[in-house]
PDB file of all heavy atoms in Angstrom:
ATOM      1  N   ARG A   1      99.170 102.802  91.135  1.00  0.00           N
ATOM      2  CA  ARG A   1     100.173 102.999  90.087  1.00  0.00           C
ATOM      3  C   ARG A   1      99.810 104.204  89.210  1.00  0.00           C
ATOM      4  O   ARG A   1      98.671 104.359  88.778  1.00  0.00           O
ATOM      5  CB  ARG A   1     100.292 101.743  89.219  1.00  0.00           C
ATOM      6  CG  ARG A   1     101.527 101.739  88.332  1.00  0.00           C
ATOM      7  CD  ARG A   1     101.696 100.399  87.636  1.00  0.00           C
ATOM      8  NE  ARG A   1     101.885  99.300  88.583  1.00  0.00           N
ATOM      9  CZ  ARG A   1     103.040  99.042  89.185  1.00  0.00           C
ATOM     10  NH1 ARG A   1     104.095  99.794  88.943  1.00  0.00           N
ATOM     11  NH2 ARG A   1     103.138  98.027  90.024  1.00  0.00           N
ATOM     12  N   LYS A   2     100.784 105.068  88.976  1.00  0.00           N
ATOM     13  CA  LYS A   2     100.583 106.218  88.105  1.00  0.00           C
ATOM     14  C   LYS A   2     101.901 106.574  87.444  1.00  0.00           C
ATOM     15  O   LYS A   2     102.974 106.109  87.846  1.00  0.00           O
ATOM     16  CB  LYS A   2     100.036 107.412  88.887  1.00  0.00           C
ATOM     17  CG  LYS A   2     100.946 107.959  89.979  1.00  0.00           C
ATOM     18  CD  LYS A   2     100.276 109.090  90.714  1.00  0.00           C
ATOM     19  CE  LYS A   2     101.194 109.734  91.753  1.00  0.00           C
ATOM     20  NZ  LYS A   2     101.485 108.865  92.891  1.00  0.00           N
ATOM     21  N   ARG A   3     101.816 107.408  86.409  1.00  0.00           N
ATOM     22  CA  ARG A   3     103.007 107.838  85.688  1.00  0.00           C
ATOM     23  C   ARG A   3     103.416 109.238  86.138  1.00  0.00           C
ATOM     24  O   ARG A   3     102.602 110.162  86.154  1.00  0.00           O
ATOM     25  CB  ARG A   3     102.744 107.847  84.185  1.00  0.00           C
ATOM     26  CG  ARG A   3     102.608 106.468  83.566  1.00  0.00           C
ATOM     27  CD  ARG A   3     102.480 106.592  82.058  1.00  0.00           C
ATOM     28  NE  ARG A   3     102.381 105.281  81.424  1.00  0.00           N
ATOM     29  CZ  ARG A   3     102.290 105.103  80.109  1.00  0.00           C
ATOM     30  NH1 ARG A   3     102.275 106.157  79.297  1.00  0.00           N
ATOM     31  NH2 ARG A   3     102.199 103.879  79.608  1.00  0.00           N
ATOM     32  N   THR A   4     104.668 109.362  86.510  1.00  0.00           N
ATOM     33  CA  THR A   4     105.269 110.663  86.783  1.00  0.00           C
ATOM     34  C   THR A   4     106.609 110.659  86.052  1.00  0.00           C
ATOM     35  O   THR A   4     106.942 109.706  85.348  1.00  0.00           O
ATOM     36  CB  THR A   4     105.500 110.893  88.288  1.00  0.00           C
ATOM     37  OG1 THR A   4     106.632 110.108  88.727  1.00  0.00           O
ATOM     38  CG2 THR A   4     104.276 110.472  89.107  1.00  0.00           C
ATOM     39  N   ARG A   5     107.388 111.701  86.237  1.00  0.00           N
ATOM     40  CA  ARG A   5     108.702 111.688  85.596  1.00  0.00           C
ATOM     41  C   ARG A   5     109.690 110.808  86.374  1.00  0.00           C
ATOM     42  O   ARG A   5     110.806 110.568  85.930  1.00  0.00           O
ATOM     43  CB  ARG A   5     109.247 113.104  85.436  1.00  0.00           C
ATOM     44  CG  ARG A   5     109.981 113.670  86.661  1.00  0.00           C
ATOM     45  CD  ARG A   5     110.822 114.865  86.272  1.00  0.00           C
ATOM     46  NE  ARG A   5     111.648 115.366  87.351  1.00  0.00           N
ATOM     47  CZ  ARG A   5     112.850 114.909  87.666  1.00  0.00           C
ATOM     48  NH1 ARG A   5     113.375 113.886  87.002  1.00  0.00           N
ATOM     49  NH2 ARG A   5     113.553 115.443  88.645  1.00  0.00           N
ATOM     50  N   PHE A   6     109.238 110.318  87.550  1.00  0.00           N
ATOM     51  CA  PHE A   6     110.088 109.485  88.390  1.00  0.00           C
ATOM     52  C   PHE A   6     109.764 108.003  88.168  1.00  0.00           C
ATOM     53  O   PHE A   6     108.778 107.656  87.528  1.00  0.00           O
ATOM     54  CB  PHE A   6     109.901 109.862  89.864  1.00  0.00           C
ATOM     55  CG  PHE A   6     110.153 111.313  90.139  1.00  0.00           C
ATOM     56  CD1 PHE A   6     109.090 112.204  90.258  1.00  0.00           C
ATOM     57  CD2 PHE A   6     111.441 111.801  90.238  1.00  0.00           C
ATOM     58  CE1 PHE A   6     109.314 113.545  90.498  1.00  0.00           C
ATOM     59  CE2 PHE A   6     111.680 113.145  90.477  1.00  0.00           C
ATOM     60  CZ  PHE A   6     110.611 114.022  90.600  1.00  0.00           C
ATOM     61  N   ARG A   7     110.593 107.158  88.750  1.00  0.00           N
ATOM     62  CA  ARG A   7     110.475 105.716  88.527  1.00  0.00           C
ATOM     63  C   ARG A   7     109.428 105.093  89.444  1.00  0.00           C
ATOM     64  O   ARG A   7     109.388 105.364  90.640  1.00  0.00           O
ATOM     65  CB  ARG A   7     111.838 105.069  88.782  1.00  0.00           C
ATOM     66  CG  ARG A   7     111.897 103.578  88.514  1.00  0.00           C
ATOM     67  CD  ARG A   7     113.307 103.062  88.711  1.00  0.00           C
ATOM     68  NE  ARG A   7     113.686 103.000  90.114  1.00  0.00           N
ATOM     69  CZ  ARG A   7     113.396 102.002  90.939  1.00  0.00           C
ATOM     70  NH1 ARG A   7     112.690 100.976  90.498  1.00  0.00           N
ATOM     71  NH2 ARG A   7     113.821 102.010  92.194  1.00  0.00           N
ATOM     72  N   SER A   8     108.585 104.255  88.855  1.00  0.00           N
ATOM     73  CA  SER A   8     107.641 103.476  89.638  1.00  0.00           C
ATOM     74  C   SER A   8     108.296 102.168  90.090  1.00  0.00           C
ATOM     75  O   SER A   8     108.957 101.495  89.293  1.00  0.00           O
ATOM     76  CB  SER A   8     106.395 103.157  88.809  1.00  0.00           C
ATOM     77  OG  SER A   8     105.516 102.322  89.548  1.00  0.00           O
ATOM     78  N   TRP A   9     108.125 101.831  91.343  1.00  0.00           N
ATOM     79  CA  TRP A   9     108.690 100.592  91.851  1.00  0.00           C
ATOM     80  C   TRP A   9     107.820  99.414  91.434  1.00  0.00           C
ATOM     81  O   TRP A   9     106.591  99.518  91.355  1.00  0.00           O
ATOM     82  CB  TRP A   9     108.778 100.651  93.370  1.00  0.00           C
ATOM     83  CG  TRP A   9     109.894 101.521  93.864  1.00  0.00           C
ATOM     84  CD1 TRP A   9     110.226 102.773  93.404  1.00  0.00           C
ATOM     85  CD2 TRP A   9     110.813 101.221  94.905  1.00  0.00           C
ATOM     86  NE1 TRP A   9     111.292 103.265  94.099  1.00  0.00           N
ATOM     87  CE2 TRP A   9     111.679 102.340  95.030  1.00  0.00           C
ATOM     88  CE3 TRP A   9     110.984 100.133  95.747  1.00  0.00           C
ATOM     89  CZ2 TRP A   9     112.699 102.385  95.969  1.00  0.00           C
ATOM     90  CZ3 TRP A   9     111.997 100.173  96.685  1.00  0.00           C
ATOM     91  CH2 TRP A   9     112.852 101.282  96.782  1.00  0.00           C
ATOM     92  N   SER A  10     108.463  98.296  91.192  1.00  0.00           N
ATOM     93  CA  SER A  10     107.737  97.070  90.859  1.00  0.00           C
ATOM     94  C   SER A  10     107.337  96.352  92.143  1.00  0.00           C
ATOM     95  O   SER A  10     107.862  96.622  93.231  1.00  0.00           O
ATOM     96  CB  SER A  10     108.618  96.151  90.015  1.00  0.00           C
ATOM     97  OG  SER A  10     109.703  95.649  90.795  1.00  0.00           O
ATOM     98  N   LEU A  11     106.411  95.411  92.007  1.00  0.00           N
ATOM     99  CA  LEU A  11     106.027  94.599  93.163  1.00  0.00           C
ATOM    100  C   LEU A  11     107.216  93.815  93.705  1.00  0.00           C
ATOM    101  O   LEU A  11     107.383  93.672  94.919  1.00  0.00           O
ATOM    102  CB  LEU A  11     104.893  93.644  92.780  1.00  0.00           C
ATOM    103  CG  LEU A  11     103.501  94.262  92.629  1.00  0.00           C
ATOM    104  CD1 LEU A  11     102.507  93.201  92.159  1.00  0.00           C
ATOM    105  CD2 LEU A  11     103.021  94.880  93.945  1.00  0.00           C
ATOM    106  N   ASP A  12     108.045  93.297  92.802  1.00  0.00           N
ATOM    107  CA  ASP A  12     109.205  92.525  93.246  1.00  0.00           C
ATOM    108  C   ASP A  12     110.143  93.384  94.093  1.00  0.00           C
ATOM    109  O   ASP A  12     110.731  92.892  95.075  1.00  0.00           O
ATOM    110  CB  ASP A  12     109.964  91.962  92.041  1.00  0.00           C
ATOM    111  CG  ASP A  12     109.247  90.772  91.413  1.00  0.00           C
ATOM    112  OD1 ASP A  12     108.396  90.178  92.097  1.00  0.00           O
ATOM    113  OD2 ASP A  12     109.531  90.446  90.247  1.00  0.00           O
ATOM    114  N   GLU A  13     110.291  94.645  93.723  1.00  0.00           N
ATOM    115  CA  GLU A  13     111.137  95.535  94.524  1.00  0.00           C
ATOM    116  C   GLU A  13     110.520  95.778  95.895  1.00  0.00           C
ATOM    117  O   GLU A  13     111.241  95.853  96.905  1.00  0.00           O
ATOM    118  CB  GLU A  13     111.347  96.854  93.786  1.00  0.00           C
ATOM    119  CG  GLU A  13     112.280  96.747  92.592  1.00  0.00           C
ATOM    120  CD  GLU A  13     112.394  98.057  91.847  1.00  0.00           C
ATOM    121  OE1 GLU A  13     111.348  98.579  91.386  1.00  0.00           O
ATOM    122  OE2 GLU A  13     113.522  98.576  91.726  1.00  0.00           O
ATOM    123  N   CYS A  14     109.205  95.902  95.951  1.00  0.00           N
ATOM    124  CA  CYS A  14     108.532  96.056  97.243  1.00  0.00           C
ATOM    125  C   CYS A  14     108.690  94.794  98.086  1.00  0.00           C
ATOM    126  O   CYS A  14     108.904  94.864  99.300  1.00  0.00           O
ATOM    127  CB  CYS A  14     107.065  96.390  97.033  1.00  0.00           C
ATOM    128  SG  CYS A  14     106.764  98.007  96.280  1.00  0.00           S
ATOM    129  N   TYR A  15     108.601  93.624  97.437  1.00  0.00           N
ATOM    130  CA  TYR A  15     108.823  92.375  98.160  1.00  0.00           C
ATOM    131  C   TYR A  15     110.253  92.320  98.711  1.00  0.00           C
ATOM    132  O   TYR A  15     110.489  91.720  99.769  1.00  0.00           O
ATOM    133  CB  TYR A  15     108.614  91.167  97.249  1.00  0.00           C
ATOM    134  CG  TYR A  15     107.235  91.023  96.661  1.00  0.00           C
ATOM    135  CD1 TYR A  15     107.040  90.310  95.474  1.00  0.00           C
ATOM    136  CD2 TYR A  15     106.120  91.573  97.283  1.00  0.00           C
ATOM    137  CE1 TYR A  15     105.777  90.150  94.915  1.00  0.00           C
ATOM    138  CE2 TYR A  15     104.853  91.432  96.729  1.00  0.00           C
ATOM    139  CZ  TYR A  15     104.686  90.723  95.542  1.00  0.00           C
ATOM    140  OH  TYR A  15     103.445  90.576  94.993  1.00  0.00           O
ATOM    141  N   GLY A  16     111.190  92.919  97.987  1.00  0.00           N
ATOM    142  CA  GLY A  16     112.572  92.929  98.445  1.00  0.00           C
ATOM    143  C   GLY A  16     112.761  93.704  99.732  1.00  0.00           C
ATOM    144  O   GLY A  16     113.671  93.412 100.518  1.00  0.00           O
ATOM    145  N   ILE A  17     111.890  94.702  99.955  1.00  0.00           N
ATOM    146  CA  ILE A  17     111.942  95.467 101.202  1.00  0.00           C
ATOM    147  C   ILE A  17     111.102  94.797 102.283  1.00  0.00           C
ATOM    148  O   ILE A  17     111.516  94.666 103.428  1.00  0.00           O
ATOM    149  CB  ILE A  17     111.436  96.909 100.969  1.00  0.00           C
ATOM    150  CG1 ILE A  17     112.303  97.627  99.953  1.00  0.00           C
ATOM    151  CG2 ILE A  17     111.418  97.687 102.275  1.00  0.00           C
ATOM    152  CD1 ILE A  17     111.787  99.009  99.603  1.00  0.00           C
ATOM    153  N   PHE A  18     109.916  94.363 101.902  1.00  0.00           N
ATOM    154  CA  PHE A  18     108.974  93.737 102.844  1.00  0.00           C
ATOM    155  C   PHE A  18     108.730  92.306 102.383  1.00  0.00           C
ATOM    156  O   PHE A  18     107.846  92.042 101.562  1.00  0.00           O
ATOM    157  CB  PHE A  18     107.658  94.506 102.883  1.00  0.00           C
ATOM    158  CG  PHE A  18     107.793  95.954 103.248  1.00  0.00           C
ATOM    159  CD1 PHE A  18     107.490  96.953 102.331  1.00  0.00           C
ATOM    160  CD2 PHE A  18     108.209  96.327 104.511  1.00  0.00           C
ATOM    161  CE1 PHE A  18     107.599  98.284 102.665  1.00  0.00           C
ATOM    162  CE2 PHE A  18     108.335  97.667 104.857  1.00  0.00           C
ATOM    163  CZ  PHE A  18     108.026  98.644 103.931  1.00  0.00           C
ATOM    164  N   SER A  19     109.485  91.369 102.904  1.00  0.00           N
ATOM    165  CA  SER A  19     109.393  89.987 102.438  1.00  0.00           C
ATOM    166  C   SER A  19     108.023  89.382 102.708  1.00  0.00           C
ATOM    167  O   SER A  19     107.559  88.499 101.972  1.00  0.00           O
ATOM    168  CB  SER A  19     110.482  89.134 103.099  1.00  0.00           C
ATOM    169  OG  SER A  19     110.371  89.180 104.522  1.00  0.00           O
ATOM    170  N   ALA A  20     107.335  89.864 103.751  1.00  0.00           N
ATOM    171  CA  ALA A  20     106.020  89.310 104.094  1.00  0.00           C
ATOM    172  C   ALA A  20     104.928  89.802 103.152  1.00  0.00           C
ATOM    173  O   ALA A  20     103.842  89.210 103.096  1.00  0.00           O
ATOM    174  CB  ALA A  20     105.656  89.676 105.529  1.00  0.00           C
ATOM    175  N   LEU A  21     105.197  90.864 102.411  1.00  0.00           N
ATOM    176  CA  LEU A  21     104.150  91.480 101.594  1.00  0.00           C
ATOM    177  C   LEU A  21     103.591  90.519 100.549  1.00  0.00           C
ATOM    178  O   LEU A  21     102.379  90.485 100.309  1.00  0.00           O
ATOM    179  CB  LEU A  21     104.704  92.737 100.915  1.00  0.00           C
ATOM    180  CG  LEU A  21     103.722  93.544 100.072  1.00  0.00           C
ATOM    181  CD1 LEU A  21     102.645  94.174 100.954  1.00  0.00           C
ATOM    182  CD2 LEU A  21     104.466  94.642  99.296  1.00  0.00           C
ATOM    183  N   GLU A  22     104.457  89.736  99.944  1.00  0.00           N
ATOM    184  CA  GLU A  22     104.028  88.834  98.879  1.00  0.00           C
ATOM    185  C   GLU A  22     102.966  87.851  99.362  1.00  0.00           C
ATOM    186  O   GLU A  22     102.067  87.468  98.607  1.00  0.00           O
ATOM    187  CB  GLU A  22     105.237  88.093  98.318  1.00  0.00           C
ATOM    188  CG  GLU A  22     104.917  87.223  97.114  1.00  0.00           C
ATOM    189  CD  GLU A  22     106.162  86.647  96.470  1.00  0.00           C
ATOM    190  OE1 GLU A  22     107.273  86.802  97.032  1.00  0.00           O
ATOM    191  OE2 GLU A  22     106.024  86.035  95.402  1.00  0.00           O
ATOM    192  N   HIS A  23     103.050  87.476 100.628  1.00  0.00           N
ATOM    193  CA  HIS A  23     102.114  86.490 101.183  1.00  0.00           C
ATOM    194  C   HIS A  23     100.806  87.128 101.654  1.00  0.00           C
ATOM    195  O   HIS A  23      99.894  86.421 102.087  1.00  0.00           O
ATOM    196  CB  HIS A  23     102.778  85.752 102.341  1.00  0.00           C
ATOM    197  CG  HIS A  23     104.105  85.143 101.978  1.00  0.00           C
ATOM    198  ND1 HIS A  23     104.214  84.065 101.139  1.00  0.00           N
ATOM    199  CD2 HIS A  23     105.383  85.500 102.310  1.00  0.00           C
ATOM    200  CE1 HIS A  23     105.501  83.755 100.980  1.00  0.00           C
ATOM    201  NE2 HIS A  23     106.220  84.609 101.678  1.00  0.00           N
ATOM    202  N   LEU A  24     100.724  88.460 101.563  1.00  0.00           N
ATOM    203  CA  LEU A  24      99.517  89.160 102.006  1.00  0.00           C
ATOM    204  C   LEU A  24      98.653  89.614 100.840  1.00  0.00           C
ATOM    205  O   LEU A  24      97.550  90.137 101.067  1.00  0.00           O
ATOM    206  CB  LEU A  24      99.914  90.405 102.829  1.00  0.00           C
ATOM    207  CG  LEU A  24     100.729  90.185 104.092  1.00  0.00           C
ATOM    208  CD1 LEU A  24     101.161  91.532 104.673  1.00  0.00           C
ATOM    209  CD2 LEU A  24      99.934  89.396 105.121  1.00  0.00           C
ATOM    210  N   MET A  25      99.100  89.407  99.616  1.00  0.00           N
ATOM    211  CA  MET A  25      98.469  90.041  98.466  1.00  0.00           C
ATOM    212  C   MET A  25      96.984  89.705  98.317  1.00  0.00           C
ATOM    213  O   MET A  25      96.190  90.521  97.843  1.00  0.00           O
ATOM    214  CB  MET A  25      99.219  89.683  97.190  1.00  0.00           C
ATOM    215  CG  MET A  25     100.647  90.200  97.146  1.00  0.00           C
ATOM    216  SD  MET A  25     100.730  92.000  97.140  1.00  0.00           S
ATOM    217  CE  MET A  25     100.354  92.331  95.421  1.00  0.00           C
ATOM    218  N   GLY A  26      96.576  88.510  98.714  1.00  0.00           N
ATOM    219  CA  GLY A  26      95.192  88.110  98.547  1.00  0.00           C
ATOM    220  C   GLY A  26      94.293  88.447  99.717  1.00  0.00           C
ATOM    221  O   GLY A  26      93.084  88.183  99.669  1.00  0.00           O
ATOM    222  N   ARG A  27      94.838  89.044 100.760  1.00  0.00           N
ATOM    223  CA  ARG A  27      94.054  89.333 101.959  1.00  0.00           C
ATOM    224  C   ARG A  27      93.431  90.721 101.896  1.00  0.00           C
ATOM    225  O   ARG A  27      94.018  91.661 101.358  1.00  0.00           O
ATOM    226  CB  ARG A  27      94.930  89.220 103.203  1.00  0.00           C
ATOM    227  CG  ARG A  27      95.310  87.790 103.537  1.00  0.00           C
ATOM    228  CD  ARG A  27      96.293  87.712 104.687  1.00  0.00           C
ATOM    229  NE  ARG A  27      95.783  88.335 105.909  1.00  0.00           N
ATOM    230  CZ  ARG A  27      96.501  88.423 107.034  1.00  0.00           C
ATOM    231  NH1 ARG A  27      97.735  87.930 107.081  1.00  0.00           N
ATOM    232  NH2 ARG A  27      95.995  89.005 108.095  1.00  0.00           N
ATOM    233  N   GLU A  28      92.221  90.856 102.451  1.00  0.00           N
ATOM    234  CA  GLU A  28      91.613  92.172 102.567  1.00  0.00           C
ATOM    235  C   GLU A  28      92.364  92.965 103.638  1.00  0.00           C
ATOM    236  O   GLU A  28      92.770  92.424 104.674  1.00  0.00           O
ATOM    237  CB  GLU A  28      90.137  92.064 102.958  1.00  0.00           C
ATOM    238  CG  GLU A  28      89.230  91.594 101.839  1.00  0.00           C
ATOM    239  CD  GLU A  28      89.309  90.091 101.599  1.00  0.00           C
ATOM    240  OE1 GLU A  28      89.781  89.377 102.507  1.00  0.00           O
ATOM    241  OE2 GLU A  28      88.908  89.640 100.504  1.00  0.00           O
ATOM    242  N   CYS A  29      92.513  94.248 103.388  1.00  0.00           N
ATOM    243  CA  CYS A  29      93.324  95.066 104.293  1.00  0.00           C
ATOM    244  C   CYS A  29      92.712  95.214 105.679  1.00  0.00           C
ATOM    245  O   CYS A  29      93.431  95.488 106.644  1.00  0.00           O
ATOM    246  CB  CYS A  29      93.568  96.434 103.673  1.00  0.00           C
ATOM    247  SG  CYS A  29      94.799  96.401 102.345  1.00  0.00           S
ATOM    248  N   GLU A  30      91.407  95.027 105.797  1.00  0.00           N
ATOM    249  CA  GLU A  30      90.782  95.123 107.115  1.00  0.00           C
ATOM    250  C   GLU A  30      91.231  93.991 108.036  1.00  0.00           C
ATOM    251  O   GLU A  30      91.031  94.067 109.255  1.00  0.00           O
ATOM    252  CB  GLU A  30      89.262  95.115 106.980  1.00  0.00           C
ATOM    253  CG  GLU A  30      88.681  93.853 106.391  1.00  0.00           C
ATOM    254  CD  GLU A  30      87.192  93.982 106.124  1.00  0.00           C
ATOM    255  OE1 GLU A  30      86.607  95.017 106.502  1.00  0.00           O
ATOM    256  OE2 GLU A  30      86.611  93.043 105.529  1.00  0.00           O
ATOM    257  N   ASN A  31      91.846  92.965 107.471  1.00  0.00           N
ATOM    258  CA  ASN A  31      92.317  91.831 108.275  1.00  0.00           C
ATOM    259  C   ASN A  31      93.817  91.883 108.557  1.00  0.00           C
ATOM    260  O   ASN A  31      94.385  90.906 109.021  1.00  0.00           O
ATOM    261  CB  ASN A  31      91.985  90.520 107.557  1.00  0.00           C
ATOM    262  CG  ASN A  31      90.491  90.321 107.389  1.00  0.00           C
ATOM    263  OD1 ASN A  31      89.727  90.614 108.298  1.00  0.00           O
ATOM    264  ND2 ASN A  31      90.069  89.834 106.231  1.00  0.00           N
ATOM    265  N   LEU A  32      94.444  93.020 108.295  1.00  0.00           N
ATOM    266  CA  LEU A  32      95.880  93.155 108.516  1.00  0.00           C
ATOM    267  C   LEU A  32      96.172  93.799 109.867  1.00  0.00           C
ATOM    268  O   LEU A  32      95.364  94.551 110.408  1.00  0.00           O
ATOM    269  CB  LEU A  32      96.500  94.023 107.421  1.00  0.00           C
ATOM    270  CG  LEU A  32      96.337  93.570 105.967  1.00  0.00           C
ATOM    271  CD1 LEU A  32      97.043  94.539 105.039  1.00  0.00           C
ATOM    272  CD2 LEU A  32      96.859  92.151 105.769  1.00  0.00           C
ATOM    273  N   SER A  33      97.361  93.519 110.385  1.00  0.00           N
ATOM    274  CA  SER A  33      97.836  94.202 111.587  1.00  0.00           C
ATOM    275  C   SER A  33      98.313  95.604 111.218  1.00  0.00           C
ATOM    276  O   SER A  33      98.445  95.952 110.039  1.00  0.00           O
ATOM    277  CB  SER A  33      98.988  93.413 112.213  1.00  0.00           C
ATOM    278  OG  SER A  33     100.133  93.470 111.358  1.00  0.00           O
ATOM    279  N   GLY A  34      98.602  96.413 112.235  1.00  0.00           N
ATOM    280  CA  GLY A  34      99.100  97.762 111.981  1.00  0.00           C
ATOM    281  C   GLY A  34     100.399  97.759 111.197  1.00  0.00           C
ATOM    282  O   GLY A  34     100.587  98.559 110.266  1.00  0.00           O
ATOM    283  N   GLY A  35     101.302  96.854 111.555  1.00  0.00           N
ATOM    284  CA  GLY A  35     102.573  96.759 110.834  1.00  0.00           C
ATOM    285  C   GLY A  35     102.387  96.327 109.398  1.00  0.00           C
ATOM    286  O   GLY A  35     103.060  96.830 108.487  1.00  0.00           O
ATOM    287  N   GLU A  36     101.461  95.404 109.158  1.00  0.00           N
ATOM    288  CA  GLU A  36     101.190  94.948 107.795  1.00  0.00           C
ATOM    289  C   GLU A  36     100.558  96.060 106.964  1.00  0.00           C
ATOM    290  O   GLU A  36     100.884  96.240 105.785  1.00  0.00           O
ATOM    291  CB  GLU A  36     100.298  93.714 107.836  1.00  0.00           C
ATOM    292  CG  GLU A  36     101.008  92.476 108.375  1.00  0.00           C
ATOM    293  CD  GLU A  36     100.059  91.336 108.692  1.00  0.00           C
ATOM    294  OE1 GLU A  36      98.844  91.586 108.870  1.00  0.00           O
ATOM    295  OE2 GLU A  36     100.530  90.181 108.795  1.00  0.00           O
ATOM    296  N   MET A  37      99.658  96.830 107.587  1.00  0.00           N
ATOM    297  CA  MET A  37      99.071  97.962 106.874  1.00  0.00           C
ATOM    298  C   MET A  37     100.131  98.987 106.501  1.00  0.00           C
ATOM    299  O   MET A  37     100.075  99.595 105.429  1.00  0.00           O
ATOM    300  CB  MET A  37      97.994  98.627 107.732  1.00  0.00           C
ATOM    301  CG  MET A  37      96.691  97.878 107.809  1.00  0.00           C
ATOM    302  SD  MET A  37      95.442  98.883 108.634  1.00  0.00           S
ATOM    303  CE  MET A  37      94.107  97.689 108.767  1.00  0.00           C
ATOM    304  N   GLN A  38     101.120  99.171 107.379  1.00  0.00           N
ATOM    305  CA  GLN A  38     102.185 100.135 107.073  1.00  0.00           C
ATOM    306  C   GLN A  38     103.016  99.659 105.887  1.00  0.00           C
ATOM    307  O   GLN A  38     103.440 100.465 105.054  1.00  0.00           O
ATOM    308  CB  GLN A  38     103.067 100.351 108.306  1.00  0.00           C
ATOM    309  CG  GLN A  38     104.076 101.489 108.170  1.00  0.00           C
ATOM    310  CD  GLN A  38     103.419 102.852 108.116  1.00  0.00           C
ATOM    311  OE1 GLN A  38     102.661 103.137 107.196  1.00  0.00           O
ATOM    312  NE2 GLN A  38     103.707 103.691 109.089  1.00  0.00           N
ATOM    313  N   MET A  39     103.252  98.347 105.792  1.00  0.00           N
ATOM    314  CA  MET A  39     103.938  97.800 104.617  1.00  0.00           C
ATOM    315  C   MET A  39     103.179  98.160 103.345  1.00  0.00           C
ATOM    316  O   MET A  39     103.776  98.565 102.333  1.00  0.00           O
ATOM    317  CB  MET A  39     104.024  96.272 104.700  1.00  0.00           C
ATOM    318  CG  MET A  39     104.914  95.709 105.755  1.00  0.00           C
ATOM    319  SD  MET A  39     104.878  93.884 105.628  1.00  0.00           S
ATOM    320  CE  MET A  39     105.458  93.431 107.256  1.00  0.00           C
ATOM    321  N   VAL A  40     101.859  97.994 103.391  1.00  0.00           N
ATOM    322  CA  VAL A  40     101.030  98.287 102.227  1.00  0.00           C
ATOM    323  C   VAL A  40     101.080  99.781 101.904  1.00  0.00           C
ATOM    324  O   VAL A  40     101.220 100.173 100.742  1.00  0.00           O
ATOM    325  CB  VAL A  40      99.575  97.832 102.468  1.00  0.00           C
ATOM    326  CG1 VAL A  40      98.684  98.225 101.282  1.00  0.00           C
ATOM    327  CG2 VAL A  40      99.514  96.331 102.698  1.00  0.00           C
TER     328      VAL A  40
END
């Protein structure tokens, strides 16, 4: 997260695109599939 003159997306908005993302939040990224890493 950083500040620019553009809008930062919220986590809820990201969940709206990637519904599975919310259920991955507590997992270490080394345990994700390629598709899950791309979501992140």
